[in-house]
């Protein structure tokens, strides 16, 4: 264990959840998805983000506020 009690608790929770799901990541994901469906909560979809090249073209680099060259 580490000296970070919060991190230790997170690791222990992950171990317990994984064990309860049969020890596989696939089982854990399937169980969480089932729980999500059964919750009745509305799941919001996020909008797509800007294309990386559009963001890079408008970024300020090294304090230079001039537009980036293509």
PDB file of N, CA and C in Angstrom:
ATOM      1  N   UNK A   1       0.822  -1.182   0.000  1.00  0.00           N
ATOM      2  CA  UNK A   1       0.000   0.000   0.000  1.00  0.00           C
ATOM      3  C   UNK A   1       0.872   1.255   0.000  1.00  0.00           C
ATOM      4  N   UNK A   2       0.265   2.339  -0.464  1.00  0.00           N
ATOM      5  CA  UNK A   2       0.986   3.606  -0.491  1.00  0.00           C
ATOM      6  C   UNK A   2       0.755   4.353   0.813  1.00  0.00           C
ATOM      7  N   UNK A   3       1.291   5.528   0.914  1.00  0.00           N
ATOM      8  CA  UNK A   3       1.021   6.376   2.067  1.00  0.00           C
ATOM      9  C   UNK A   3      -0.163   7.293   1.790  1.00  0.00           C
ATOM     10  N   UNK A   4      -0.758   7.169   0.629  1.00  0.00           N
ATOM     11  CA  UNK A   4      -1.912   7.983   0.240  1.00  0.00           C
ATOM     12  C   UNK A   4      -3.184   7.174   0.487  1.00  0.00           C
ATOM     13  N   UNK A   5      -3.891   7.488   1.560  1.00  0.00           N
ATOM     14  CA  UNK A   5      -5.066   6.692   1.933  1.00  0.00           C
ATOM     15  C   UNK A   5      -6.185   6.784   0.908  1.00  0.00           C
ATOM     16  N   UNK A   6      -6.329   7.922   0.264  1.00  0.00           N
ATOM     17  CA  UNK A   6      -7.381   8.060  -0.754  1.00  0.00           C
ATOM     18  C   UNK A   6      -7.072   7.162  -1.946  1.00  0.00           C
ATOM     19  N   UNK A   7      -5.833   7.164  -2.381  1.00  0.00           N
ATOM     20  CA  UNK A   7      -5.434   6.308  -3.485  1.00  0.00           C
ATOM     21  C   UNK A   7      -5.590   4.835  -3.121  1.00  0.00           C
ATOM     22  N   UNK A   8      -5.225   4.480  -1.906  1.00  0.00           N
ATOM     23  CA  UNK A   8      -5.404   3.098  -1.438  1.00  0.00           C
ATOM     24  C   UNK A   8      -6.877   2.702  -1.477  1.00  0.00           C
ATOM     25  N   UNK A   9      -7.744   3.599  -1.046  1.00  0.00           N
ATOM     26  CA  UNK A   9      -9.178   3.316  -1.049  1.00  0.00           C
ATOM     27  C   UNK A   9      -9.706   3.144  -2.471  1.00  0.00           C
ATOM     28  N   UNK A  10      -9.229   3.969  -3.389  1.00  0.00           N
ATOM     29  CA  UNK A  10      -9.642   3.838  -4.792  1.00  0.00           C
ATOM     30  C   UNK A  10      -9.215   2.489  -5.371  1.00  0.00           C
ATOM     31  N   UNK A  11      -7.985   2.091  -5.085  1.00  0.00           N
ATOM     32  CA  UNK A  11      -7.499   0.797  -5.581  1.00  0.00           C
ATOM     33  C   UNK A  11      -8.300  -0.362  -4.992  1.00  0.00           C
ATOM     34  N   UNK A  12      -8.622  -0.284  -3.712  1.00  0.00           N
ATOM     35  CA  UNK A  12      -9.395  -1.335  -3.066  1.00  0.00           C
ATOM     36  C   UNK A  12     -10.810  -1.407  -3.643  1.00  0.00           C
ATOM     37  N   UNK A  13     -11.416  -0.262  -3.897  1.00  0.00           N
ATOM     38  CA  UNK A  13     -12.752  -0.233  -4.504  1.00  0.00           C
ATOM     39  C   UNK A  13     -12.717  -0.854  -5.895  1.00  0.00           C
ATOM     40  N   UNK A  14     -11.686  -0.540  -6.655  1.00  0.00           N
ATOM     41  CA  UNK A  14     -11.545  -1.120  -7.993  1.00  0.00           C
ATOM     42  C   UNK A  14     -11.397  -2.636  -7.900  1.00  0.00           C
ATOM     43  N   UNK A  15     -10.601  -3.110  -6.957  1.00  0.00           N
ATOM     44  CA  UNK A  15     -10.421  -4.558  -6.790  1.00  0.00           C
ATOM     45  C   UNK A  15     -11.737  -5.246  -6.432  1.00  0.00           C
ATOM     46  N   UNK A  16     -12.501  -4.634  -5.527  1.00  0.00           N
ATOM     47  CA  UNK A  16     -13.786  -5.228  -5.122  1.00  0.00           C
ATOM     48  C   UNK A  16     -14.775  -5.256  -6.289  1.00  0.00           C
ATOM     49  N   UNK A  17     -14.848  -4.166  -7.044  1.00  0.00           N
ATOM     50  CA  UNK A  17     -15.773  -4.111  -8.187  1.00  0.00           C
ATOM     51  C   UNK A  17     -15.395  -5.145  -9.238  1.00  0.00           C
ATOM     52  N   UNK A  18     -14.111  -5.276  -9.498  1.00  0.00           N
ATOM     53  CA  UNK A  18     -13.639  -6.235 -10.483  1.00  0.00           C
ATOM     54  C   UNK A  18     -13.915  -7.666 -10.029  1.00  0.00           C
ATOM     55  N   UNK A  19     -13.685  -7.952  -8.756  1.00  0.00           N
ATOM     56  CA  UNK A  19     -13.948  -9.294  -8.220  1.00  0.00           C
ATOM     57  C   UNK A  19     -15.438  -9.622  -8.306  1.00  0.00           C
ATOM     58  N   UNK A  20     -16.296  -8.651  -7.997  1.00  0.00           N
ATOM     59  CA  UNK A  20     -17.744  -8.869  -8.051  1.00  0.00           C
ATOM     60  C   UNK A  20     -18.231  -9.100  -9.481  1.00  0.00           C
ATOM     61  N   UNK A  21     -17.456  -8.646 -10.457  1.00  0.00           N
ATOM     62  CA  UNK A  21     -17.822  -8.791 -11.860  1.00  0.00           C
ATOM     63  C   UNK A  21     -17.192 -10.025 -12.488  1.00  0.00           C
ATOM     64  N   UNK A  22     -16.674 -10.925 -11.681  1.00  0.00           N
ATOM     65  CA  UNK A  22     -16.084 -12.150 -12.201  1.00  0.00           C
ATOM     66  C   UNK A  22     -14.616 -12.030 -12.541  1.00  0.00           C
ATOM     67  N   UNK A  23     -14.010 -10.910 -12.191  1.00  0.00           N
ATOM     68  CA  UNK A  23     -12.578 -10.753 -12.383  1.00  0.00           C
ATOM     69  C   UNK A  23     -12.155 -10.311 -13.770  1.00  0.00           C
ATOM     70  N   UNK A  24     -13.115  -9.998 -14.642  1.00  0.00           N
ATOM     71  CA  UNK A  24     -12.744  -9.559 -15.990  1.00  0.00           C
ATOM     72  C   UNK A  24     -13.227  -8.140 -16.239  1.00  0.00           C
ATOM     73  N   UNK A  25     -12.486  -7.423 -17.034  1.00  0.00           N
ATOM     74  CA  UNK A  25     -12.872  -6.075 -17.412  1.00  0.00           C
ATOM     75  C   UNK A  25     -14.176  -6.100 -18.205  1.00  0.00           C
ATOM     76  N   UNK A  26     -14.331  -7.110 -19.061  1.00  0.00           N
ATOM     77  CA  UNK A  26     -15.556  -7.235 -19.850  1.00  0.00           C
ATOM     78  C   UNK A  26     -16.770  -7.407 -18.941  1.00  0.00           C
ATOM     79  N   UNK A  27     -16.619  -8.220 -17.899  1.00  0.00           N
ATOM     80  CA  UNK A  27     -17.705  -8.418 -16.949  1.00  0.00           C
ATOM     81  C   UNK A  27     -18.040  -7.137 -16.196  1.00  0.00           C
ATOM     82  N   UNK A  28     -17.011  -6.388 -15.829  1.00  0.00           N
ATOM     83  CA  UNK A  28     -17.213  -5.130 -15.124  1.00  0.00           C
ATOM     84  C   UNK A  28     -17.960  -4.141 -16.006  1.00  0.00           C
ATOM     85  N   UNK A  29     -17.510  -3.991 -17.252  1.00  0.00           N
ATOM     86  CA  UNK A  29     -18.161  -3.046 -18.171  1.00  0.00           C
ATOM     87  C   UNK A  29     -19.606  -3.462 -18.414  1.00  0.00           C
ATOM     88  N   UNK A  30     -19.853  -4.747 -18.643  1.00  0.00           N
ATOM     89  CA  UNK A  30     -21.219  -5.225 -18.879  1.00  0.00           C
ATOM     90  C   UNK A  30     -22.107  -4.940 -17.674  1.00  0.00           C
ATOM     91  N   UNK A  31     -21.601  -5.169 -16.484  1.00  0.00           N
ATOM     92  CA  UNK A  31     -22.371  -4.907 -15.273  1.00  0.00           C
ATOM     93  C   UNK A  31     -22.677  -3.432 -15.084  1.00  0.00           C
ATOM     94  N   UNK A  32     -21.694  -2.583 -15.368  1.00  0.00           N
ATOM     95  CA  UNK A  32     -21.908  -1.136 -15.249  1.00  0.00           C
ATOM     96  C   UNK A  32     -22.904  -0.643 -16.294  1.00  0.00           C
ATOM     97  N   UNK A  33     -22.825  -1.180 -17.516  1.00  0.00           N
ATOM     98  CA  UNK A  33     -23.770  -0.792 -18.552  1.00  0.00           C
ATOM     99  C   UNK A  33     -25.187  -1.220 -18.182  1.00  0.00           C
ATOM    100  N   UNK A  34     -25.321  -2.406 -17.610  1.00  0.00           N
ATOM    101  CA  UNK A  34     -26.639  -2.890 -17.174  1.00  0.00           C
ATOM    102  C   UNK A  34     -27.192  -1.982 -16.081  1.00  0.00           C
ATOM    103  N   UNK A  35     -26.340  -1.661 -15.124  1.00  0.00           N
ATOM    104  CA  UNK A  35     -26.754  -0.777 -14.034  1.00  0.00           C
ATOM    105  C   UNK A  35     -27.184   0.586 -14.568  1.00  0.00           C
ATOM    106  N   UNK A  36     -26.467   1.092 -15.563  1.00  0.00           N
ATOM    107  CA  UNK A  36     -26.803   2.369 -16.170  1.00  0.00           C
ATOM    108  C   UNK A  36     -28.180   2.301 -16.838  1.00  0.00           C
ATOM    109  N   UNK A  37     -28.429   1.237 -17.617  1.00  0.00           N
ATOM    110  CA  UNK A  37     -29.730   1.081 -18.291  1.00  0.00           C
ATOM    111  C   UNK A  37     -30.865   1.006 -17.280  1.00  0.00           C
ATOM    112  N   UNK A  38     -30.653   0.249 -16.216  1.00  0.00           N
ATOM    113  CA  UNK A  38     -31.698   0.036 -15.218  1.00  0.00           C
ATOM    114  C   UNK A  38     -31.937   1.254 -14.330  1.00  0.00           C
ATOM    115  N   UNK A  39     -31.021   2.208 -14.339  1.00  0.00           N
ATOM    116  CA  UNK A  39     -31.153   3.376 -13.464  1.00  0.00           C
ATOM    117  C   UNK A  39     -32.301   4.282 -13.899  1.00  0.00           C
ATOM    118  N   UNK A  40     -32.651   4.243 -15.194  1.00  0.00           N
ATOM    119  CA  UNK A  40     -33.697   5.108 -15.703  1.00  0.00           C
ATOM    120  C   UNK A  40     -33.248   6.547 -15.907  1.00  0.00           C
ATOM    121  N   UNK A  41     -31.994   6.821 -15.668  1.00  0.00           N
ATOM    122  CA  UNK A  41     -31.479   8.184 -15.843  1.00  0.00           C
ATOM    123  C   UNK A  41     -31.239   8.465 -17.318  1.00  0.00           C
ATOM    124  N   UNK A  42     -31.457   9.709 -17.700  1.00  0.00           N
ATOM    125  CA  UNK A  42     -31.204  10.126 -19.074  1.00  0.00           C
ATOM    126  C   UNK A  42     -29.705  10.333 -19.247  1.00  0.00           C
ATOM    127  N   UNK A  43     -29.164   9.748 -20.284  1.00  0.00           N
ATOM    128  CA  UNK A  43     -27.744   9.895 -20.590  1.00  0.00           C
ATOM    129  C   UNK A  43     -27.610  10.945 -21.683  1.00  0.00           C
ATOM    130  N   UNK A  44     -26.884  12.009 -21.415  1.00  0.00           N
ATOM    131  CA  UNK A  44     -26.711  13.084 -22.378  1.00  0.00           C
ATOM    132  C   UNK A  44     -25.535  12.785 -23.289  1.00  0.00           C
ATOM    133  N   UNK A  45     -25.700  13.051 -24.546  1.00  0.00           N
ATOM    134  CA  UNK A  45     -24.622  12.902 -25.520  1.00  0.00           C
ATOM    135  C   UNK A  45     -23.940  14.255 -25.677  1.00  0.00           C
ATOM    136  N   UNK A  46     -22.627  14.245 -25.728  1.00  0.00           N
ATOM    137  CA  UNK A  46     -21.898  15.494 -25.915  1.00  0.00           C
ATOM    138  C   UNK A  46     -21.791  15.808 -27.397  1.00  0.00           C
ATOM    139  N   UNK A  47     -21.596  17.068 -27.673  1.00  0.00           N
ATOM    140  CA  UNK A  47     -21.401  17.474 -29.064  1.00  0.00           C
ATOM    141  C   UNK A  47     -19.988  17.117 -29.503  1.00  0.00           C
ATOM    142  N   UNK A  48     -19.806  16.845 -30.783  1.00  0.00           N
ATOM    143  CA  UNK A  48     -18.445  16.571 -31.265  1.00  0.00           C
ATOM    144  C   UNK A  48     -17.555  17.795 -31.033  1.00  0.00           C
ATOM    145  N   UNK A  49     -16.304  17.541 -30.737  1.00  0.00           N
ATOM    146  CA  UNK A  49     -15.365  18.636 -30.537  1.00  0.00           C
ATOM    147  C   UNK A  49     -14.821  19.097 -31.878  1.00  0.00           C
ATOM    148  N   UNK A  50     -14.173  20.251 -31.852  1.00  0.00           N
ATOM    149  CA  UNK A  50     -13.577  20.771 -33.080  1.00  0.00           C
ATOM    150  C   UNK A  50     -12.478  19.840 -33.564  1.00  0.00           C
ATOM    151  N   UNK A  51     -12.254  19.857 -34.844  1.00  0.00           N
ATOM    152  CA  UNK A  51     -11.163  19.093 -35.420  1.00  0.00           C
ATOM    153  C   UNK A  51      -9.835  19.609 -34.867  1.00  0.00           C
ATOM    154  N   UNK A  52      -8.918  18.724 -34.582  1.00  0.00           N
ATOM    155  CA  UNK A  52      -7.639  19.103 -33.980  1.00  0.00           C
ATOM    156  C   UNK A  52      -6.895  20.146 -34.800  1.00  0.00           C
ATOM    157  N   UNK A  53      -6.973  20.060 -36.115  1.00  0.00           N
ATOM    158  CA  UNK A  53      -6.233  21.022 -36.935  1.00  0.00           C
ATOM    159  C   UNK A  53      -6.840  22.406 -36.824  1.00  0.00           C
ATOM    160  N   UNK A  54      -8.172  22.498 -36.654  1.00  0.00           N
ATOM    161  CA  UNK A  54      -8.798  23.806 -36.480  1.00  0.00           C
ATOM    162  C   UNK A  54      -8.344  24.436 -35.172  1.00  0.00           C
ATOM    163  N   UNK A  55      -8.245  23.640 -34.129  1.00  0.00           N
ATOM    164  CA  UNK A  55      -7.807  24.149 -32.839  1.00  0.00           C
ATOM    165  C   UNK A  55      -6.349  24.566 -32.923  1.00  0.00           C
ATOM    166  N   UNK A  56      -5.519  23.767 -33.552  1.00  0.00           N
ATOM    167  CA  UNK A  56      -4.092  24.079 -33.662  1.00  0.00           C
ATOM    168  C   UNK A  56      -3.871  25.357 -34.459  1.00  0.00           C
ATOM    169  N   UNK A  57      -4.661  25.581 -35.505  1.00  0.00           N
ATOM    170  CA  UNK A  57      -4.497  26.778 -36.315  1.00  0.00           C
ATOM    171  C   UNK A  57      -4.837  28.044 -35.540  1.00  0.00           C
ATOM    172  N   UNK A  58      -5.706  27.959 -34.549  1.00  0.00           N
ATOM    173  CA  UNK A  58      -6.106  29.140 -33.810  1.00  0.00           C
ATOM    174  C   UNK A  58      -5.367  29.285 -32.486  1.00  0.00           C
ATOM    175  N   UNK A  59      -4.448  28.368 -32.195  1.00  0.00           N
ATOM    176  CA  UNK A  59      -3.754  28.372 -30.904  1.00  0.00           C
ATOM    177  C   UNK A  59      -2.676  29.444 -30.847  1.00  0.00           C
ATOM    178  N   UNK A  60      -2.454  29.914 -29.638  1.00  0.00           N
ATOM    179  CA  UNK A  60      -1.353  30.855 -29.391  1.00  0.00           C
ATOM    180  C   UNK A  60      -0.164  30.015 -28.943  1.00  0.00           C
ATOM    181  N   UNK A  61       0.972  30.202 -29.613  1.00  0.00           N
ATOM    182  CA  UNK A  61       2.159  29.408 -29.313  1.00  0.00           C
ATOM    183  C   UNK A  61       3.253  30.334 -28.791  1.00  0.00           C
ATOM    184  N   UNK A  62       3.837  29.971 -27.653  1.00  0.00           N
ATOM    185  CA  UNK A  62       4.945  30.707 -27.057  1.00  0.00           C
ATOM    186  C   UNK A  62       4.646  32.193 -26.903  1.00  0.00           C
ATOM    187  N   UNK A  63       3.409  32.538 -26.535  1.00  0.00           N
ATOM    188  CA  UNK A  63       3.067  33.934 -26.306  1.00  0.00           C
ATOM    189  C   UNK A  63       2.873  34.719 -27.574  1.00  0.00           C
ATOM    190  N   UNK A  64       3.033  34.118 -28.723  1.00  0.00           N
ATOM    191  CA  UNK A  64       2.856  34.816 -29.986  1.00  0.00           C
ATOM    192  C   UNK A  64       1.372  34.780 -30.333  1.00  0.00           C
ATOM    193  N   UNK A  65       0.744  35.948 -30.445  1.00  0.00           N
ATOM    194  CA  UNK A  65      -0.684  35.990 -30.720  1.00  0.00           C
ATOM    195  C   UNK A  65      -0.977  36.060 -32.213  1.00  0.00           C
ATOM    196  N   UNK A  66       0.046  36.016 -33.062  1.00  0.00           N
ATOM    197  CA  UNK A  66      -0.194  36.022 -34.492  1.00  0.00           C
ATOM    198  C   UNK A  66      -0.743  34.665 -34.927  1.00  0.00           C
ATOM    199  N   UNK A  67      -1.570  34.627 -35.982  1.00  0.00           N
ATOM    200  CA  UNK A  67      -2.146  33.359 -36.414  1.00  0.00           C
ATOM    201  C   UNK A  67      -1.065  32.376 -36.839  1.00  0.00           C
ATOM    202  N   UNK A  68      -1.330  31.107 -36.603  1.00  0.00           N
ATOM    203  CA  UNK A  68      -0.380  30.068 -36.997  1.00  0.00           C
ATOM    204  C   UNK A  68      -0.379  29.942 -38.503  1.00  0.00           C
ATOM    205  N   UNK A  69       0.780  29.678 -39.070  1.00  0.00           N
ATOM    206  CA  UNK A  69       0.847  29.510 -40.520  1.00  0.00           C
ATOM    207  C   UNK A  69       0.415  28.121 -40.906  1.00  0.00           C
ATOM    208  N   UNK A  70      -0.264  27.949 -42.054  1.00  0.00           N
ATOM    209  CA  UNK A  70      -0.750  26.631 -42.472  1.00  0.00           C
ATOM    210  C   UNK A  70       0.340  25.674 -42.850  1.00  0.00           C
TER     211      UNK A  70
END
